[in-house]
Amino acid sequence: MEYEVSELAQAAGVSVDTIRYYQTHGLVPLPAKAGRKAVYTEDHLGRLLLIRSMAAKGLSLKAIRMLLERDGTERSDTALLAALEEEAEGPAYSTEDLAGRLGVPVALIRSAEEAGLVEGHEAPDGKPRYTESDLNAARGAIRLLAHGFPLARLLTLAIRHDRAIRKTCDSAIDLFDDHIRKPRYKDGDDGDAVAKAFRELLPLVTAVVAHHFQRVLVGRALRRLKSKGDEPTLALALKVAARSKVRVTWQ
């Protein structure tokens, strides 16, 4: 059966703009041409229905694209992708939702997105979506501002940290890929063992990194106070540091 784009959109339950968007990003193949007429087929409809099905299961556009590039037939990465997407489960807030819940201008969130400081999961419509954890982290950033940190300097520091941590994360992913994912797939794992390893390693790595950051931050701050000879503040800081610990827990 052949479809015009409007007919295809109706059959798939999406808008014409959504089809155009998917085509632009290589998720849906371009139609054939019959003169000046664009002709879509059952293959196009099947692809659109598959994308909708994946999106309904909570997969982001990035995850959907990865699966479609593998024709969606190999389970080797499907379980791992599902484990990755579990981190985004829960409420999904748009940029406007996030700004409203935080009580800040939408322009501020968009500025942070453009700077790479705020990075939501890409939804099938191409727009970012944020989780409850993202919302809580943003609330923490606002509380920092409430303590008197200047926004411009705080953003500059955040950008520097973001650039450095991305390189570290890329190296960590390479380690996982080379020493966990690839060897287990070569041994015939269908993806479940790799997904299990990811679920176990993620909280461990997060806890170790958070602990190290806090340890370095507190240690350097205390040394600076000591070098200044500010004994009263140093004594108070030592007490606070002794009580402030990252809660490292895992099963």
C-alpha atoms as a PDB file:
ATOM      1  CA  MET A   1       0.000   0.000   0.000  1.00  0.00           C
ATOM      2  CA  GLU A   2       1.201   3.514  -0.783  1.00  0.00           C
ATOM      3  CA  TYR A   3       0.648   6.643   1.289  1.00  0.00           C
ATOM      4  CA  GLU A   4       0.939  10.375   0.918  1.00  0.00           C
ATOM      5  CA  VAL A   5       2.661  11.996   3.871  1.00  0.00           C
ATOM      6  CA  SER A   6      -0.601  13.153   5.437  1.00  0.00           C
ATOM      7  CA  GLU A   7      -2.057   9.639   5.113  1.00  0.00           C
ATOM      8  CA  LEU A   8       1.077   8.124   6.615  1.00  0.00           C
ATOM      9  CA  ALA A   9       0.937  10.540   9.543  1.00  0.00           C
ATOM     10  CA  GLN A  10      -2.675   9.601  10.249  1.00  0.00           C
ATOM     11  CA  ALA A  11      -1.979   5.862  10.014  1.00  0.00           C
ATOM     12  CA  ALA A  12       1.037   6.111  12.347  1.00  0.00           C
ATOM     13  CA  GLY A  13      -0.616   8.481  14.808  1.00  0.00           C
ATOM     14  CA  VAL A  14       2.016  11.189  14.470  1.00  0.00           C
ATOM     15  CA  SER A  15       2.168  14.629  12.895  1.00  0.00           C
ATOM     16  CA  VAL A  16       3.600  15.415   9.485  1.00  0.00           C
ATOM     17  CA  ASP A  17       6.211  17.596  11.226  1.00  0.00           C
ATOM     18  CA  THR A  18       7.276  14.598  13.312  1.00  0.00           C
ATOM     19  CA  ILE A  19       7.809  12.528  10.166  1.00  0.00           C
ATOM     20  CA  ARG A  20       9.904  15.331   8.667  1.00  0.00           C
ATOM     21  CA  TYR A  21      11.914  15.537  11.869  1.00  0.00           C
ATOM     22  CA  TYR A  22      12.602  11.779  11.860  1.00  0.00           C
ATOM     23  CA  GLN A  23      13.673  11.970   8.216  1.00  0.00           C
ATOM     24  CA  THR A  24      16.051  14.834   8.954  1.00  0.00           C
ATOM     25  CA  HIS A  25      17.714  12.735  11.661  1.00  0.00           C
ATOM     26  CA  GLY A  26      17.870   9.571   9.585  1.00  0.00           C
ATOM     27  CA  LEU A  27      15.324   7.607  11.619  1.00  0.00           C
ATOM     28  CA  VAL A  28      12.858   7.228   8.755  1.00  0.00           C
ATOM     29  CA  PRO A  29      14.017   6.756   5.138  1.00  0.00           C
ATOM     30  CA  LEU A  30      13.091   9.316   2.541  1.00  0.00           C
ATOM     31  CA  PRO A  31      10.122   8.497   0.294  1.00  0.00           C
ATOM     32  CA  ALA A  32      10.323   7.396  -3.300  1.00  0.00           C
ATOM     33  CA  LYS A  33       9.303   9.856  -5.984  1.00  0.00           C
ATOM     34  CA  ALA A  34       6.528   9.403  -8.536  1.00  0.00           C
ATOM     35  CA  GLY A  35       6.941  12.552 -10.580  1.00  0.00           C
ATOM     36  CA  ARG A  36       6.608  15.347  -8.060  1.00  0.00           C
ATOM     37  CA  LYS A  37       4.709  13.153  -5.638  1.00  0.00           C
ATOM     38  CA  ALA A  38       6.367  11.663  -2.554  1.00  0.00           C
ATOM     39  CA  VAL A  39       5.375   8.031  -2.080  1.00  0.00           C
ATOM     40  CA  TYR A  40       5.538   6.263   1.279  1.00  0.00           C
ATOM     41  CA  THR A  41       5.105   2.516   1.802  1.00  0.00           C
ATOM     42  CA  GLU A  42       4.272  -0.021   4.497  1.00  0.00           C
ATOM     43  CA  ASP A  43       7.974  -0.045   5.398  1.00  0.00           C
ATOM     44  CA  HIS A  44       7.731   3.627   6.376  1.00  0.00           C
ATOM     45  CA  LEU A  45       4.632   2.930   8.448  1.00  0.00           C
ATOM     46  CA  GLY A  46       6.301  -0.006  10.150  1.00  0.00           C
ATOM     47  CA  ARG A  47       9.326   2.108  11.023  1.00  0.00           C
ATOM     48  CA  LEU A  48       7.150   4.852  12.509  1.00  0.00           C
ATOM     49  CA  LEU A  49       5.154   2.362  14.579  1.00  0.00           C
ATOM     50  CA  LEU A  50       8.406   0.794  15.824  1.00  0.00           C
ATOM     51  CA  ILE A  51       9.720   4.211  16.896  1.00  0.00           C
ATOM     52  CA  ARG A  52       6.460   4.931  18.732  1.00  0.00           C
ATOM     53  CA  SER A  53       6.662   1.554  20.475  1.00  0.00           C
ATOM     54  CA  MET A  54      10.241   2.173  21.620  1.00  0.00           C
ATOM     55  CA  ALA A  55       9.368   5.677  22.809  1.00  0.00           C
ATOM     56  CA  ALA A  56       6.430   4.280  24.804  1.00  0.00           C
ATOM     57  CA  LYS A  57       8.879   2.009  26.628  1.00  0.00           C
ATOM     58  CA  GLY A  58      10.840   5.066  27.752  1.00  0.00           C
ATOM     59  CA  LEU A  59      13.716   4.905  25.287  1.00  0.00           C
ATOM     60  CA  SER A  60      15.204   8.253  24.322  1.00  0.00           C
ATOM     61  CA  LEU A  61      15.652   9.324  20.721  1.00  0.00           C
ATOM     62  CA  LYS A  62      19.374   8.596  21.008  1.00  0.00           C
ATOM     63  CA  ALA A  63      18.719   5.048  22.216  1.00  0.00           C
ATOM     64  CA  ILE A  64      16.114   4.509  19.492  1.00  0.00           C
ATOM     65  CA  ARG A  65      18.555   5.688  16.845  1.00  0.00           C
ATOM     66  CA  MET A  66      21.219   3.269  18.102  1.00  0.00           C
ATOM     67  CA  LEU A  67      18.792   0.338  17.981  1.00  0.00           C
ATOM     68  CA  LEU A  68      17.504   1.255  14.522  1.00  0.00           C
ATOM     69  CA  GLU A  69      21.054   1.470  13.208  1.00  0.00           C
ATOM     70  CA  ARG A  70      21.412  -2.174  14.261  1.00  0.00           C
ATOM     71  CA  ASP A  71      18.029  -2.940  12.648  1.00  0.00           C
ATOM     72  CA  GLY A  72      16.636  -3.572  16.122  1.00  0.00           C
ATOM     73  CA  THR A  73      17.448  -7.276  15.791  1.00  0.00           C
ATOM     74  CA  GLU A  74      20.477  -7.771  18.030  1.00  0.00           C
ATOM     75  CA  ARG A  75      19.898  -8.191  21.742  1.00  0.00           C
ATOM     76  CA  SER A  76      23.578  -7.585  22.469  1.00  0.00           C
ATOM     77  CA  ASP A  77      23.102  -3.883  23.205  1.00  0.00           C
ATOM     78  CA  THR A  78      19.367  -3.791  23.849  1.00  0.00           C
ATOM     79  CA  ALA A  79      19.657  -4.845  27.494  1.00  0.00           C
ATOM     80  CA  LEU A  80      22.451  -2.347  28.100  1.00  0.00           C
ATOM     81  CA  LEU A  81      20.451   0.452  26.496  1.00  0.00           C
ATOM     82  CA  ALA A  82      17.494  -0.452  28.677  1.00  0.00           C
ATOM     83  CA  ALA A  83      19.721  -0.274  31.765  1.00  0.00           C
ATOM     84  CA  LEU A  84      20.989   3.130  30.695  1.00  0.00           C
ATOM     85  CA  GLU A  85      17.447   4.374  30.159  1.00  0.00           C
ATOM     86  CA  GLU A  86      16.418   3.201  33.642  1.00  0.00           C
ATOM     87  CA  GLU A  87      18.369   6.183  34.959  1.00  0.00           C
ATOM     88  CA  ALA A  88      15.837   8.441  33.249  1.00  0.00           C
ATOM     89  CA  GLU A  89      12.695   6.721  34.528  1.00  0.00           C
ATOM     90  CA  GLY A  90      10.112   8.746  36.392  1.00  0.00           C
ATOM     91  CA  PRO A  91       8.567  12.129  35.576  1.00  0.00           C
ATOM     92  CA  ALA A  92       9.730  13.764  32.369  1.00  0.00           C
ATOM     93  CA  TYR A  93       9.851  17.557  32.536  1.00  0.00           C
ATOM     94  CA  SER A  94      10.200  19.831  29.531  1.00  0.00           C
ATOM     95  CA  THR A  95      12.421  22.904  29.656  1.00  0.00           C
ATOM     96  CA  GLU A  96       9.361  25.006  30.414  1.00  0.00           C
ATOM     97  CA  ASP A  97       8.222  22.582  33.144  1.00  0.00           C
ATOM     98  CA  LEU A  98      11.665  22.663  34.731  1.00  0.00           C
ATOM     99  CA  ALA A  99      11.791  26.465  34.743  1.00  0.00           C
ATOM    100  CA  GLY A 100       8.271  26.663  36.211  1.00  0.00           C
ATOM    101  CA  ARG A 101       9.029  24.245  39.033  1.00  0.00           C
ATOM    102  CA  LEU A 102      12.251  26.072  39.841  1.00  0.00           C
ATOM    103  CA  GLY A 103      10.667  29.507  39.615  1.00  0.00           C
ATOM    104  CA  VAL A 104      13.293  30.820  37.197  1.00  0.00           C
ATOM    105  CA  PRO A 105      13.010  32.288  33.680  1.00  0.00           C
ATOM    106  CA  VAL A 106      12.924  29.777  30.821  1.00  0.00           C
ATOM    107  CA  ALA A 107      15.742  31.801  29.232  1.00  0.00           C
ATOM    108  CA  LEU A 108      18.031  30.873  32.132  1.00  0.00           C
ATOM    109  CA  ILE A 109      17.487  27.140  31.570  1.00  0.00           C
ATOM    110  CA  ARG A 110      17.975  27.552  27.825  1.00  0.00           C
ATOM    111  CA  SER A 111      21.250  29.421  28.447  1.00  0.00           C
ATOM    112  CA  ALA A 112      22.439  26.545  30.618  1.00  0.00           C
ATOM    113  CA  GLU A 113      21.406  24.076  27.881  1.00  0.00           C
ATOM    114  CA  GLU A 114      23.309  26.025  25.238  1.00  0.00           C
ATOM    115  CA  ALA A 115      26.398  26.097  27.474  1.00  0.00           C
ATOM    116  CA  GLY A 116      26.153  22.323  27.925  1.00  0.00           C
ATOM    117  CA  LEU A 117      25.607  22.586  31.681  1.00  0.00           C
ATOM    118  CA  VAL A 118      22.075  21.220  31.535  1.00  0.00           C
ATOM    119  CA  GLU A 119      21.575  18.193  29.344  1.00  0.00           C
ATOM    120  CA  GLY A 120      18.243  16.448  29.324  1.00  0.00           C
ATOM    121  CA  HIS A 121      17.416  13.187  27.612  1.00  0.00           C
ATOM    122  CA  GLU A 122      16.396  13.763  24.008  1.00  0.00           C
ATOM    123  CA  ALA A 123      12.749  12.811  23.551  1.00  0.00           C
ATOM    124  CA  PRO A 124      11.386  11.438  20.272  1.00  0.00           C
ATOM    125  CA  ASP A 125      10.250  14.952  19.342  1.00  0.00           C
ATOM    126  CA  GLY A 126      13.871  16.108  19.606  1.00  0.00           C
ATOM    127  CA  LYS A 127      13.290  18.241  22.693  1.00  0.00           C
ATOM    128  CA  PRO A 128      15.054  17.669  26.030  1.00  0.00           C
ATOM    129  CA  ARG A 129      13.245  16.026  28.935  1.00  0.00           C
ATOM    130  CA  TYR A 130      14.407  16.140  32.545  1.00  0.00           C
ATOM    131  CA  THR A 131      14.016  13.710  35.426  1.00  0.00           C
ATOM    132  CA  GLU A 132      13.240  14.208  39.092  1.00  0.00           C
ATOM    133  CA  SER A 133      16.961  13.894  39.816  1.00  0.00           C
ATOM    134  CA  ASP A 134      17.677  16.702  37.345  1.00  0.00           C
ATOM    135  CA  LEU A 135      15.079  18.833  39.100  1.00  0.00           C
ATOM    136  CA  ASN A 136      16.613  18.198  42.520  1.00  0.00           C
ATOM    137  CA  ALA A 137      20.107  18.981  41.216  1.00  0.00           C
ATOM    138  CA  ALA A 138      18.846  22.264  39.762  1.00  0.00           C
ATOM    139  CA  ARG A 139      17.249  23.127  43.098  1.00  0.00           C
ATOM    140  CA  GLY A 140      20.633  22.575  44.701  1.00  0.00           C
ATOM    141  CA  ALA A 141      22.245  24.975  42.219  1.00  0.00           C
ATOM    142  CA  ILE A 142      19.643  27.624  43.086  1.00  0.00           C
ATOM    143  CA  ARG A 143      20.393  27.184  46.780  1.00  0.00           C
ATOM    144  CA  LEU A 144      24.053  27.871  46.004  1.00  0.00           C
ATOM    145  CA  LEU A 145      23.028  31.166  44.431  1.00  0.00           C
ATOM    146  CA  ALA A 146      20.926  31.949  47.502  1.00  0.00           C
ATOM    147  CA  HIS A 147      24.119  31.814  49.580  1.00  0.00           C
ATOM    148  CA  GLY A 148      25.515  34.733  47.606  1.00  0.00           C
ATOM    149  CA  PHE A 149      27.563  33.117  44.852  1.00  0.00           C
ATOM    150  CA  PRO A 150      27.572  35.391  41.781  1.00  0.00           C
ATOM    151  CA  LEU A 151      25.796  33.700  38.884  1.00  0.00           C
ATOM    152  CA  ALA A 152      28.390  34.608  36.247  1.00  0.00           C
ATOM    153  CA  ARG A 153      31.336  33.218  38.231  1.00  0.00           C
ATOM    154  CA  LEU A 154      29.415  30.135  39.288  1.00  0.00           C
ATOM    155  CA  LEU A 155      28.489  29.403  35.667  1.00  0.00           C
ATOM    156  CA  THR A 156      32.102  29.906  34.565  1.00  0.00           C
ATOM    157  CA  LEU A 157      33.274  27.423  37.198  1.00  0.00           C
ATOM    158  CA  ALA A 158      30.536  24.977  36.217  1.00  0.00           C
ATOM    159  CA  ILE A 159      31.529  25.169  32.538  1.00  0.00           C
ATOM    160  CA  ARG A 160      35.174  24.446  33.396  1.00  0.00           C
ATOM    161  CA  HIS A 161      34.125  21.476  35.512  1.00  0.00           C
ATOM    162  CA  ASP A 162      31.775  20.226  32.797  1.00  0.00           C
ATOM    163  CA  ARG A 163      34.497  20.289  30.133  1.00  0.00           C
ATOM    164  CA  ALA A 164      36.883  18.343  32.370  1.00  0.00           C
ATOM    165  CA  ILE A 165      34.345  15.774  33.568  1.00  0.00           C
ATOM    166  CA  ARG A 166      33.215  14.981  30.019  1.00  0.00           C
ATOM    167  CA  LYS A 167      36.745  13.886  29.115  1.00  0.00           C
ATOM    168  CA  THR A 168      36.913  11.748  32.241  1.00  0.00           C
ATOM    169  CA  CYS A 169      33.519  10.205  31.476  1.00  0.00           C
ATOM    170  CA  ASP A 170      34.555   9.380  27.914  1.00  0.00           C
ATOM    171  CA  SER A 171      37.642   7.590  29.253  1.00  0.00           C
ATOM    172  CA  ALA A 172      35.518   5.720  31.805  1.00  0.00           C
ATOM    173  CA  ILE A 173      33.132   4.599  29.053  1.00  0.00           C
ATOM    174  CA  ASP A 174      36.091   3.373  27.018  1.00  0.00           C
ATOM    175  CA  LEU A 175      37.253   1.332  30.019  1.00  0.00           C
ATOM    176  CA  PHE A 176      33.811  -0.231  30.420  1.00  0.00           C
ATOM    177  CA  ASP A 177      33.584  -0.910  26.704  1.00  0.00           C
ATOM    178  CA  ASP A 178      37.044  -2.491  26.440  1.00  0.00           C
ATOM    179  CA  HIS A 179      37.065  -4.528  29.659  1.00  0.00           C
ATOM    180  CA  ILE A 180      33.409  -5.349  30.367  1.00  0.00           C
ATOM    181  CA  ARG A 181      31.202  -5.023  27.301  1.00  0.00           C
ATOM    182  CA  LYS A 182      33.357  -6.298  24.428  1.00  0.00           C
ATOM    183  CA  PRO A 183      34.924  -9.303  26.226  1.00  0.00           C
ATOM    184  CA  ARG A 184      31.547 -10.553  27.468  1.00  0.00           C
ATOM    185  CA  TYR A 185      29.930 -10.218  24.074  1.00  0.00           C
ATOM    186  CA  LYS A 186      32.808 -12.207  22.569  1.00  0.00           C
ATOM    187  CA  ASP A 187      32.063 -14.908  25.135  1.00  0.00           C
ATOM    188  CA  GLY A 188      28.513 -15.124  23.831  1.00  0.00           C
ATOM    189  CA  ASP A 189      26.660 -12.979  26.364  1.00  0.00           C
ATOM    190  CA  ASP A 190      23.312 -11.799  25.024  1.00  0.00           C
ATOM    191  CA  GLY A 191      23.532  -8.480  26.868  1.00  0.00           C
ATOM    192  CA  ASP A 192      21.942  -9.350  30.205  1.00  0.00           C
ATOM    193  CA  ALA A 193      25.274  -9.845  32.000  1.00  0.00           C
ATOM    194  CA  VAL A 194      26.615  -6.563  30.628  1.00  0.00           C
ATOM    195  CA  ALA A 195      23.459  -4.736  31.729  1.00  0.00           C
ATOM    196  CA  LYS A 196      23.781  -6.311  35.195  1.00  0.00           C
ATOM    197  CA  ALA A 197      27.409  -5.180  35.399  1.00  0.00           C
ATOM    198  CA  PHE A 198      26.388  -1.663  34.425  1.00  0.00           C
ATOM    199  CA  ARG A 199      23.693  -1.542  37.125  1.00  0.00           C
ATOM    200  CA  GLU A 200      26.211  -2.681  39.740  1.00  0.00           C
ATOM    201  CA  LEU A 201      29.051  -0.427  38.606  1.00  0.00           C
ATOM    202  CA  LEU A 202      27.110   2.820  38.194  1.00  0.00           C
ATOM    203  CA  PRO A 203      26.426   3.448  41.919  1.00  0.00           C
ATOM    204  CA  LEU A 204      29.947   2.308  42.799  1.00  0.00           C
ATOM    205  CA  VAL A 205      31.596   4.695  40.373  1.00  0.00           C
ATOM    206  CA  THR A 206      29.262   7.548  41.344  1.00  0.00           C
ATOM    207  CA  ALA A 207      30.013   7.056  45.049  1.00  0.00           C
ATOM    208  CA  VAL A 208      33.779   6.845  44.526  1.00  0.00           C
ATOM    209  CA  VAL A 209      33.850   9.995  42.368  1.00  0.00           C
ATOM    210  CA  ALA A 210      31.615  11.954  44.768  1.00  0.00           C
ATOM    211  CA  HIS A 211      33.733  10.898  47.741  1.00  0.00           C
ATOM    212  CA  HIS A 212      36.959  11.891  45.996  1.00  0.00           C
ATOM    213  CA  PHE A 213      35.583  15.302  44.978  1.00  0.00           C
ATOM    214  CA  GLN A 214      34.427  16.062  48.501  1.00  0.00           C
ATOM    215  CA  ARG A 215      37.685  14.824  50.028  1.00  0.00           C
ATOM    216  CA  VAL A 216      39.790  17.005  47.721  1.00  0.00           C
ATOM    217  CA  LEU A 217      37.509  20.042  48.138  1.00  0.00           C
ATOM    218  CA  VAL A 218      37.487  19.877  51.934  1.00  0.00           C
ATOM    219  CA  GLY A 219      41.192  19.079  52.168  1.00  0.00           C
ATOM    220  CA  ARG A 220      42.266  21.998  50.012  1.00  0.00           C
ATOM    221  CA  ALA A 221      39.876  24.386  51.765  1.00  0.00           C
ATOM    222  CA  LEU A 222      41.274  23.404  55.179  1.00  0.00           C
ATOM    223  CA  ARG A 223      44.865  23.834  53.997  1.00  0.00           C
ATOM    224  CA  ARG A 224      44.030  27.292  52.691  1.00  0.00           C
ATOM    225  CA  LEU A 225      42.489  28.311  56.027  1.00  0.00           C
ATOM    226  CA  LYS A 226      45.505  26.964  57.875  1.00  0.00           C
ATOM    227  CA  SER A 227      47.918  28.896  55.643  1.00  0.00           C
ATOM    228  CA  LYS A 228      45.988  32.098  56.379  1.00  0.00           C
ATOM    229  CA  GLY A 229      46.282  31.517  60.124  1.00  0.00           C
ATOM    230  CA  ASP A 230      42.524  31.846  60.611  1.00  0.00           C
ATOM    231  CA  GLU A 231      42.358  29.502  63.587  1.00  0.00           C
ATOM    232  CA  PRO A 232      38.725  30.169  64.694  1.00  0.00           C
ATOM    233  CA  THR A 233      37.371  29.556  61.205  1.00  0.00           C
ATOM    234  CA  LEU A 234      39.675  26.571  60.773  1.00  0.00           C
ATOM    235  CA  ALA A 235      38.435  24.973  64.005  1.00  0.00           C
ATOM    236  CA  LEU A 236      34.821  25.459  62.913  1.00  0.00           C
ATOM    237  CA  ALA A 237      35.569  24.121  59.431  1.00  0.00           C
ATOM    238  CA  LEU A 238      37.199  21.015  60.884  1.00  0.00           C
ATOM    239  CA  LYS A 239      34.069  20.255  62.907  1.00  0.00           C
ATOM    240  CA  VAL A 240      31.815  20.750  59.893  1.00  0.00           C
ATOM    241  CA  ALA A 241      34.101  18.628  57.695  1.00  0.00           C
ATOM    242  CA  ALA A 242      34.043  15.800  60.230  1.00  0.00           C
ATOM    243  CA  ARG A 243      30.235  15.692  60.046  1.00  0.00           C
ATOM    244  CA  SER A 244      29.912  16.221  56.269  1.00  0.00           C
ATOM    245  CA  LYS A 245      30.419  12.917  54.555  1.00  0.00           C
ATOM    246  CA  VAL A 246      29.236  11.517  51.276  1.00  0.00           C
ATOM    247  CA  ARG A 247      26.940   8.621  52.052  1.00  0.00           C
ATOM    248  CA  VAL A 248      28.561   5.756  50.172  1.00  0.00           C
ATOM    249  CA  THR A 249      26.005   2.938  49.983  1.00  0.00           C
ATOM    250  CA  TRP A 250      25.422   0.116  47.565  1.00  0.00           C
ATOM    251  CA  GLN A 251      24.216  -3.452  47.559  1.00  0.00           C
END
